[in-house]
Amino acid sequence: MIFKKKRINKQISRDYGSGNVLVWELDDGTKTYNPEIQGLEVRFSGKNNTCYVYGSKTIFTNSLIIFNGDDSTFSIDNQTQKVDPGFAINNLVVFMNKGANVKIGKNFTCGGCDIVADNRGADIEIGDDCMFSKEIVIRSTDGHTITENSKKINPGKPVRIGNHCWFGMRCAVLKGVTIPDNCIVSFGAVVLSSLSAQVGNIIAGVPAKVVKSGVNWTRDNYDDFQ
């Protein structure tokens, strides 16, 4: 499911419960607690949740982090490279249930991404230098419980995305999936399972499969290449 985007006008991050904190650590190591970060709203529901934002150059637009329960952690590393504001962190929406953890590496950019993380054991990790287009969906949970003989049969599972991955528009990565380094997930692909441990894959289709291996990609304009 893709969340319907709404313009987020409030830009003051607030503490709604005991032990909840937003930490902004600048490049020189200075830490500010519960600051206003332009373009980012953080909503706490529960207690003992922590949101870490690293780096003075990290640029957000219309982004929202939601803690729905206790004992969850979100972190996003800094942008060490110069990034055009139009290619920063736009329309990022993260929803975490109790005990969930989401970690995003350095130099992450996106046009729009919805991340839903389940409780303990179903964390989501995104590596360094990943570039996401618009309407991306990443989920470590089905969202609702499926039972058989009164027992839950669809627990959440972790999602791991390697370094230097490029996600095309409207692709989805679901629970239990690992994407290796240097991979490209094409427009509209739905990745239901881990496909290959080899780095440098192009992943496409519904359900997704590896259509080419041994590739790499760059943020540079294609006109610079033969």
C-alpha atoms as a PDB file:
ATOM      1  CA  MET A   1       0.000   0.000   0.000  1.00  0.00           C
ATOM      2  CA  ILE A   2       1.266   3.464  -0.854  1.00  0.00           C
ATOM      3  CA  PHE A   3       0.340   6.168   1.616  1.00  0.00           C
ATOM      4  CA  LYS A   4      -1.592   9.047   0.165  1.00  0.00           C
ATOM      5  CA  LYS A   5       0.721  11.999   0.350  1.00  0.00           C
ATOM      6  CA  LYS A   6      -0.379  15.061   2.266  1.00  0.00           C
ATOM      7  CA  ARG A   7       1.524  18.274   2.591  1.00  0.00           C
ATOM      8  CA  ILE A   8       3.244  18.377   5.980  1.00  0.00           C
ATOM      9  CA  ASN A   9       3.290  21.973   7.135  1.00  0.00           C
ATOM     10  CA  LYS A  10       4.496  21.523  10.717  1.00  0.00           C
ATOM     11  CA  GLN A  11       8.266  21.398  11.023  1.00  0.00           C
ATOM     12  CA  ILE A  12       8.729  21.323  14.810  1.00  0.00           C
ATOM     13  CA  SER A  13       9.621  17.894  16.180  1.00  0.00           C
ATOM     14  CA  ARG A  14       7.925  17.245  19.525  1.00  0.00           C
ATOM     15  CA  ASP A  15       8.209  14.820  22.437  1.00  0.00           C
ATOM     16  CA  TYR A  16       4.908  13.062  23.198  1.00  0.00           C
ATOM     17  CA  GLY A  17       5.992  10.626  25.889  1.00  0.00           C
ATOM     18  CA  SER A  18       8.440   9.670  28.596  1.00  0.00           C
ATOM     19  CA  GLY A  19      11.948   8.953  27.373  1.00  0.00           C
ATOM     20  CA  ASN A  20      11.328   9.958  23.750  1.00  0.00           C
ATOM     21  CA  VAL A  21      14.042  12.066  22.145  1.00  0.00           C
ATOM     22  CA  LEU A  22      15.151  13.472  18.810  1.00  0.00           C
ATOM     23  CA  VAL A  23      18.937  13.845  18.593  1.00  0.00           C
ATOM     24  CA  TRP A  24      20.559  15.937  15.875  1.00  0.00           C
ATOM     25  CA  GLU A  25      24.330  15.441  15.793  1.00  0.00           C
ATOM     26  CA  LEU A  26      26.221  17.933  13.640  1.00  0.00           C
ATOM     27  CA  ASP A  27      29.457  17.317  11.750  1.00  0.00           C
ATOM     28  CA  ASP A  28      31.554  18.687  14.637  1.00  0.00           C
ATOM     29  CA  GLY A  29      29.950  16.255  17.113  1.00  0.00           C
ATOM     30  CA  THR A  30      27.668  18.840  18.707  1.00  0.00           C
ATOM     31  CA  LYS A  31      24.343  17.308  19.746  1.00  0.00           C
ATOM     32  CA  THR A  32      21.019  19.126  19.933  1.00  0.00           C
ATOM     33  CA  TYR A  33      18.028  17.497  21.614  1.00  0.00           C
ATOM     34  CA  ASN A  34      14.439  17.869  20.359  1.00  0.00           C
ATOM     35  CA  PRO A  35      15.343  20.569  17.822  1.00  0.00           C
ATOM     36  CA  GLU A  36      13.381  21.939  14.931  1.00  0.00           C
ATOM     37  CA  ILE A  37      14.703  20.350  11.722  1.00  0.00           C
ATOM     38  CA  GLN A  38      13.374  21.994   8.603  1.00  0.00           C
ATOM     39  CA  GLY A  39      11.332  19.650   6.441  1.00  0.00           C
ATOM     40  CA  LEU A  40      11.119  16.885   9.070  1.00  0.00           C
ATOM     41  CA  GLU A  41       8.335  16.089  11.530  1.00  0.00           C
ATOM     42  CA  VAL A  42       8.683  13.402  14.203  1.00  0.00           C
ATOM     43  CA  ARG A  43       5.647  11.972  15.994  1.00  0.00           C
ATOM     44  CA  PHE A  44       6.075   9.942  19.170  1.00  0.00           C
ATOM     45  CA  SER A  45       3.408   7.613  20.551  1.00  0.00           C
ATOM     46  CA  GLY A  46       4.730   5.537  23.442  1.00  0.00           C
ATOM     47  CA  LYS A  47       7.963   5.793  25.397  1.00  0.00           C
ATOM     48  CA  ASN A  48      11.713   5.229  25.175  1.00  0.00           C
ATOM     49  CA  ASN A  49      11.922   5.940  21.451  1.00  0.00           C
ATOM     50  CA  THR A  50      14.926   7.630  19.848  1.00  0.00           C
ATOM     51  CA  CYS A  51      15.313   9.389  16.508  1.00  0.00           C
ATOM     52  CA  TYR A  52      18.891  10.142  15.398  1.00  0.00           C
ATOM     53  CA  VAL A  53      19.724  12.545  12.577  1.00  0.00           C
ATOM     54  CA  TYR A  54      23.413  12.939  11.730  1.00  0.00           C
ATOM     55  CA  GLY A  55      25.140  15.670   9.806  1.00  0.00           C
ATOM     56  CA  SER A  56      24.802  19.365   9.098  1.00  0.00           C
ATOM     57  CA  LYS A  57      24.180  18.816   5.370  1.00  0.00           C
ATOM     58  CA  THR A  58      21.236  16.395   5.686  1.00  0.00           C
ATOM     59  CA  ILE A  59      18.323  18.044   3.850  1.00  0.00           C
ATOM     60  CA  PHE A  60      14.687  17.013   4.343  1.00  0.00           C
ATOM     61  CA  THR A  61      11.544  18.083   2.529  1.00  0.00           C
ATOM     62  CA  ASN A  62       8.037  17.091   3.603  1.00  0.00           C
ATOM     63  CA  SER A  63       9.244  14.067   5.601  1.00  0.00           C
ATOM     64  CA  LEU A  64       7.654  12.305   8.576  1.00  0.00           C
ATOM     65  CA  ILE A  65       8.865   9.746  11.148  1.00  0.00           C
ATOM     66  CA  ILE A  66       6.166   8.025  13.247  1.00  0.00           C
ATOM     67  CA  PHE A  67       6.901   5.986  16.385  1.00  0.00           C
ATOM     68  CA  ASN A  68       3.821   3.857  17.131  1.00  0.00           C
ATOM     69  CA  GLY A  69       4.749   2.191  20.425  1.00  0.00           C
ATOM     70  CA  ASP A  70       7.729   1.809  22.753  1.00  0.00           C
ATOM     71  CA  ASP A  71      11.455   1.105  22.428  1.00  0.00           C
ATOM     72  CA  SER A  72      12.027   1.892  18.749  1.00  0.00           C
ATOM     73  CA  THR A  73      14.997   3.569  17.072  1.00  0.00           C
ATOM     74  CA  PHE A  74      15.345   5.449  13.788  1.00  0.00           C
ATOM     75  CA  SER A  75      18.653   6.762  12.482  1.00  0.00           C
ATOM     76  CA  ILE A  76      19.787   8.423   9.278  1.00  0.00           C
ATOM     77  CA  ASP A  77      23.435   9.186   8.586  1.00  0.00           C
ATOM     78  CA  ASN A  78      24.818  12.382   7.137  1.00  0.00           C
ATOM     79  CA  GLN A  79      25.199  13.510   3.551  1.00  0.00           C
ATOM     80  CA  THR A  80      28.936  13.761   3.113  1.00  0.00           C
ATOM     81  CA  GLN A  81      28.615  14.668  -0.553  1.00  0.00           C
ATOM     82  CA  LYS A  82      27.175  17.922  -1.839  1.00  0.00           C
ATOM     83  CA  VAL A  83      23.563  17.215  -2.789  1.00  0.00           C
ATOM     84  CA  ASP A  84      21.260  19.437  -4.815  1.00  0.00           C
ATOM     85  CA  PRO A  85      18.210  20.245  -2.612  1.00  0.00           C
ATOM     86  CA  GLY A  86      15.998  18.801  -5.335  1.00  0.00           C
ATOM     87  CA  PHE A  87      17.720  15.443  -4.868  1.00  0.00           C
ATOM     88  CA  ALA A  88      17.840  15.291  -1.087  1.00  0.00           C
ATOM     89  CA  ILE A  89      15.428  13.426   1.220  1.00  0.00           C
ATOM     90  CA  ASN A  90      11.963  14.240  -0.083  1.00  0.00           C
ATOM     91  CA  ASN A  91       8.627  12.765   1.027  1.00  0.00           C
ATOM     92  CA  LEU A  92      10.169  10.123   3.293  1.00  0.00           C
ATOM     93  CA  VAL A  93       7.516   8.543   5.552  1.00  0.00           C
ATOM     94  CA  VAL A  94       8.637   6.002   8.172  1.00  0.00           C
ATOM     95  CA  PHE A  95       6.175   4.111  10.421  1.00  0.00           C
ATOM     96  CA  MET A  96       7.558   1.936  13.233  1.00  0.00           C
ATOM     97  CA  ASN A  97       5.672  -0.441  15.483  1.00  0.00           C
ATOM     98  CA  LYS A  98       6.797  -1.338  19.013  1.00  0.00           C
ATOM     99  CA  GLY A  99      10.440  -2.323  19.227  1.00  0.00           C
ATOM    100  CA  ALA A 100      11.192  -1.608  15.557  1.00  0.00           C
ATOM    101  CA  ASN A 101      14.497  -0.300  14.251  1.00  0.00           C
ATOM    102  CA  VAL A 102      15.175   1.518  10.973  1.00  0.00           C
ATOM    103  CA  LYS A 103      18.685   2.526   9.928  1.00  0.00           C
ATOM    104  CA  ILE A 104      19.561   4.539   6.804  1.00  0.00           C
ATOM    105  CA  GLY A 105      23.175   5.079   5.740  1.00  0.00           C
ATOM    106  CA  LYS A 106      25.144   8.003   4.349  1.00  0.00           C
ATOM    107  CA  ASN A 107      24.273   9.999   1.228  1.00  0.00           C
ATOM    108  CA  PHE A 108      20.730   8.647   0.997  1.00  0.00           C
ATOM    109  CA  THR A 109      18.430  10.497  -1.420  1.00  0.00           C
ATOM    110  CA  CYS A 110      14.830   9.870  -2.376  1.00  0.00           C
ATOM    111  CA  GLY A 111      11.928  11.435  -4.199  1.00  0.00           C
ATOM    112  CA  GLY A 112       9.370   9.605  -2.065  1.00  0.00           C
ATOM    113  CA  CYS A 113       9.539   6.459   0.063  1.00  0.00           C
ATOM    114  CA  ASP A 114       7.171   4.756   2.551  1.00  0.00           C
ATOM    115  CA  ILE A 115       8.892   2.493   5.094  1.00  0.00           C
ATOM    116  CA  VAL A 116       6.926   0.299   7.522  1.00  0.00           C
ATOM    117  CA  ALA A 117       8.893  -1.643  10.153  1.00  0.00           C
ATOM    118  CA  ASP A 118       7.470  -4.347  12.415  1.00  0.00           C
ATOM    119  CA  ASN A 119       8.519  -5.134  15.975  1.00  0.00           C
ATOM    120  CA  ARG A 120      11.744  -6.773  17.201  1.00  0.00           C
ATOM    121  CA  GLY A 121      13.408  -9.077  14.731  1.00  0.00           C
ATOM    122  CA  ALA A 122      11.975  -7.311  11.685  1.00  0.00           C
ATOM    123  CA  ASP A 123      14.299  -4.328  11.382  1.00  0.00           C
ATOM    124  CA  ILE A 124      14.989  -2.430   8.166  1.00  0.00           C
ATOM    125  CA  GLU A 125      18.495  -1.370   7.163  1.00  0.00           C
ATOM    126  CA  ILE A 126      19.455   0.674   4.097  1.00  0.00           C
ATOM    127  CA  GLY A 127      23.142   1.027   3.236  1.00  0.00           C
ATOM    128  CA  ASP A 128      25.238   3.987   2.123  1.00  0.00           C
ATOM    129  CA  ASP A 129      24.826   5.953  -1.112  1.00  0.00           C
ATOM    130  CA  CYS A 130      21.373   4.660  -2.049  1.00  0.00           C
ATOM    131  CA  MET A 131      19.255   6.607  -4.521  1.00  0.00           C
ATOM    132  CA  PHE A 132      15.479   6.098  -4.444  1.00  0.00           C
ATOM    133  CA  SER A 133      12.986   7.503  -6.925  1.00  0.00           C
ATOM    134  CA  LYS A 134       9.333   8.245  -6.041  1.00  0.00           C
ATOM    135  CA  GLU A 135       6.570   6.050  -4.561  1.00  0.00           C
ATOM    136  CA  ILE A 136       8.954   3.434  -3.185  1.00  0.00           C
ATOM    137  CA  VAL A 137       7.541   0.955  -0.626  1.00  0.00           C
ATOM    138  CA  ILE A 138       9.676  -1.012   1.859  1.00  0.00           C
ATOM    139  CA  ARG A 139       7.934  -3.205   4.441  1.00  0.00           C
ATOM    140  CA  SER A 140       9.111  -5.746   7.011  1.00  0.00           C
ATOM    141  CA  THR A 141       5.513  -6.608   7.902  1.00  0.00           C
ATOM    142  CA  ASP A 142       2.253  -7.569   6.190  1.00  0.00           C
ATOM    143  CA  GLY A 143       0.504  -4.888   8.232  1.00  0.00           C
ATOM    144  CA  HIS A 144      -2.192  -7.146   9.697  1.00  0.00           C
ATOM    145  CA  THR A 145      -2.196 -10.538  11.378  1.00  0.00           C
ATOM    146  CA  ILE A 146      -3.079 -13.764   9.559  1.00  0.00           C
ATOM    147  CA  THR A 147      -4.016 -16.650  11.858  1.00  0.00           C
ATOM    148  CA  GLU A 148      -4.387 -20.394  11.515  1.00  0.00           C
ATOM    149  CA  ASN A 149      -5.856 -22.390  14.408  1.00  0.00           C
ATOM    150  CA  SER A 150      -5.662 -19.170  16.439  1.00  0.00           C
ATOM    151  CA  LYS A 151      -1.906 -18.845  15.855  1.00  0.00           C
ATOM    152  CA  LYS A 152      -0.205 -16.056  13.949  1.00  0.00           C
ATOM    153  CA  ILE A 153       1.386 -17.375  10.771  1.00  0.00           C
ATOM    154  CA  ASN A 154       2.776 -14.200   9.191  1.00  0.00           C
ATOM    155  CA  PRO A 155       5.430 -12.680  11.494  1.00  0.00           C
ATOM    156  CA  GLY A 156       7.513  -9.783  10.311  1.00  0.00           C
ATOM    157  CA  LYS A 157      10.974 -10.404   8.849  1.00  0.00           C
ATOM    158  CA  PRO A 158      13.978  -8.072   8.457  1.00  0.00           C
ATOM    159  CA  VAL A 159      14.821  -6.209   5.260  1.00  0.00           C
ATOM    160  CA  ARG A 160      18.428  -5.488   4.286  1.00  0.00           C
ATOM    161  CA  ILE A 161      19.384  -3.201   1.408  1.00  0.00           C
ATOM    162  CA  GLY A 162      23.071  -2.965   0.539  1.00  0.00           C
ATOM    163  CA  ASN A 163      25.273  -0.016  -0.319  1.00  0.00           C
ATOM    164  CA  HIS A 164      24.912   1.931  -3.571  1.00  0.00           C
ATOM    165  CA  CYS A 165      21.493   0.653  -4.643  1.00  0.00           C
ATOM    166  CA  TRP A 166      19.207   2.467  -7.076  1.00  0.00           C
ATOM    167  CA  PHE A 167      15.446   1.959  -6.753  1.00  0.00           C
ATOM    168  CA  GLY A 168      13.242   2.962  -9.669  1.00  0.00           C
ATOM    169  CA  MET A 169       9.817   4.554  -9.323  1.00  0.00           C
ATOM    170  CA  ARG A 170       6.979   2.524  -7.744  1.00  0.00           C
ATOM    171  CA  CYS A 171       9.031  -0.506  -6.814  1.00  0.00           C
ATOM    172  CA  ALA A 172       8.330  -2.453  -3.619  1.00  0.00           C
ATOM    173  CA  VAL A 173      10.560  -4.548  -1.356  1.00  0.00           C
ATOM    174  CA  LEU A 174       8.676  -6.778   1.085  1.00  0.00           C
ATOM    175  CA  LYS A 175       9.548  -8.586   4.308  1.00  0.00           C
ATOM    176  CA  GLY A 176      12.477 -10.970   4.494  1.00  0.00           C
ATOM    177  CA  VAL A 177      14.291  -9.568   1.446  1.00  0.00           C
ATOM    178  CA  THR A 178      18.013  -8.849   1.175  1.00  0.00           C
ATOM    179  CA  ILE A 179      19.249  -6.710  -1.737  1.00  0.00           C
ATOM    180  CA  PRO A 180      23.060  -6.915  -2.292  1.00  0.00           C
ATOM    181  CA  ASP A 181      25.353  -3.944  -2.997  1.00  0.00           C
ATOM    182  CA  ASN A 182      25.306  -2.074  -6.324  1.00  0.00           C
ATOM    183  CA  CYS A 183      21.877  -3.355  -7.371  1.00  0.00           C
ATOM    184  CA  ILE A 184      19.240  -1.657  -9.498  1.00  0.00           C
ATOM    185  CA  VAL A 185      15.561  -2.367  -8.773  1.00  0.00           C
ATOM    186  CA  SER A 186      13.580  -1.339 -11.819  1.00  0.00           C
ATOM    187  CA  PHE A 187      10.354   0.632 -12.248  1.00  0.00           C
ATOM    188  CA  GLY A 188       7.370  -1.187 -10.738  1.00  0.00           C
ATOM    189  CA  ALA A 189       9.281  -4.261  -9.552  1.00  0.00           C
ATOM    190  CA  VAL A 190       7.839  -6.179  -6.585  1.00  0.00           C
ATOM    191  CA  VAL A 191      10.587  -8.030  -4.715  1.00  0.00           C
ATOM    192  CA  LEU A 192       9.051 -10.843  -2.649  1.00  0.00           C
ATOM    193  CA  SER A 193      12.205 -12.781  -1.704  1.00  0.00           C
ATOM    194  CA  SER A 194      15.994 -12.577  -1.727  1.00  0.00           C
ATOM    195  CA  LEU A 195      17.106 -13.413  -5.265  1.00  0.00           C
ATOM    196  CA  SER A 196      20.900 -13.534  -5.367  1.00  0.00           C
ATOM    197  CA  ALA A 197      23.885 -12.884  -3.103  1.00  0.00           C
ATOM    198  CA  GLN A 198      25.847 -11.566  -6.086  1.00  0.00           C
ATOM    199  CA  VAL A 199      26.415  -7.808  -6.195  1.00  0.00           C
ATOM    200  CA  GLY A 200      25.508  -5.678  -9.197  1.00  0.00           C
ATOM    201  CA  ASN A 201      22.152  -7.098 -10.277  1.00  0.00           C
ATOM    202  CA  ILE A 202      19.311  -5.540 -12.251  1.00  0.00           C
ATOM    203  CA  ILE A 203      16.084  -6.722 -10.622  1.00  0.00           C
ATOM    204  CA  ALA A 204      12.792  -6.376 -12.506  1.00  0.00           C
ATOM    205  CA  GLY A 205       9.275  -7.752 -12.839  1.00  0.00           C
ATOM    206  CA  VAL A 206       6.301  -8.926 -10.774  1.00  0.00           C
ATOM    207  CA  PRO A 207       7.311 -11.003  -8.975  1.00  0.00           C
ATOM    208  CA  ALA A 208      10.814  -9.672  -9.415  1.00  0.00           C
ATOM    209  CA  LYS A 209      13.737 -11.689 -10.741  1.00  0.00           C
ATOM    210  CA  VAL A 210      17.357 -10.968 -11.676  1.00  0.00           C
ATOM    211  CA  VAL A 211      17.457 -10.029 -15.369  1.00  0.00           C
ATOM    212  CA  LYS A 212      21.155  -9.057 -15.574  1.00  0.00           C
ATOM    213  CA  SER A 213      24.222  -9.363 -13.341  1.00  0.00           C
ATOM    214  CA  GLY A 214      27.672  -7.824 -13.155  1.00  0.00           C
ATOM    215  CA  VAL A 215      26.536  -4.207 -13.596  1.00  0.00           C
ATOM    216  CA  ASN A 216      27.065  -0.983 -11.680  1.00  0.00           C
ATOM    217  CA  TRP A 217      25.527   2.500 -11.870  1.00  0.00           C
ATOM    218  CA  THR A 218      26.377   6.136 -11.215  1.00  0.00           C
ATOM    219  CA  ARG A 219      24.510   9.320 -10.384  1.00  0.00           C
ATOM    220  CA  ASP A 220      26.383  11.065 -13.212  1.00  0.00           C
ATOM    221  CA  ASN A 221      24.558  12.054 -16.387  1.00  0.00           C
ATOM    222  CA  TYR A 222      24.551   9.317 -19.028  1.00  0.00           C
ATOM    223  CA  ASP A 223      25.825  11.814 -21.626  1.00  0.00           C
ATOM    224  CA  ASP A 224      29.219  11.592 -19.898  1.00  0.00           C
ATOM    225  CA  PHE A 225      29.592   7.961 -21.047  1.00  0.00           C
ATOM    226  CA  GLN A 226      30.130   6.358 -24.446  1.00  0.00           C
END
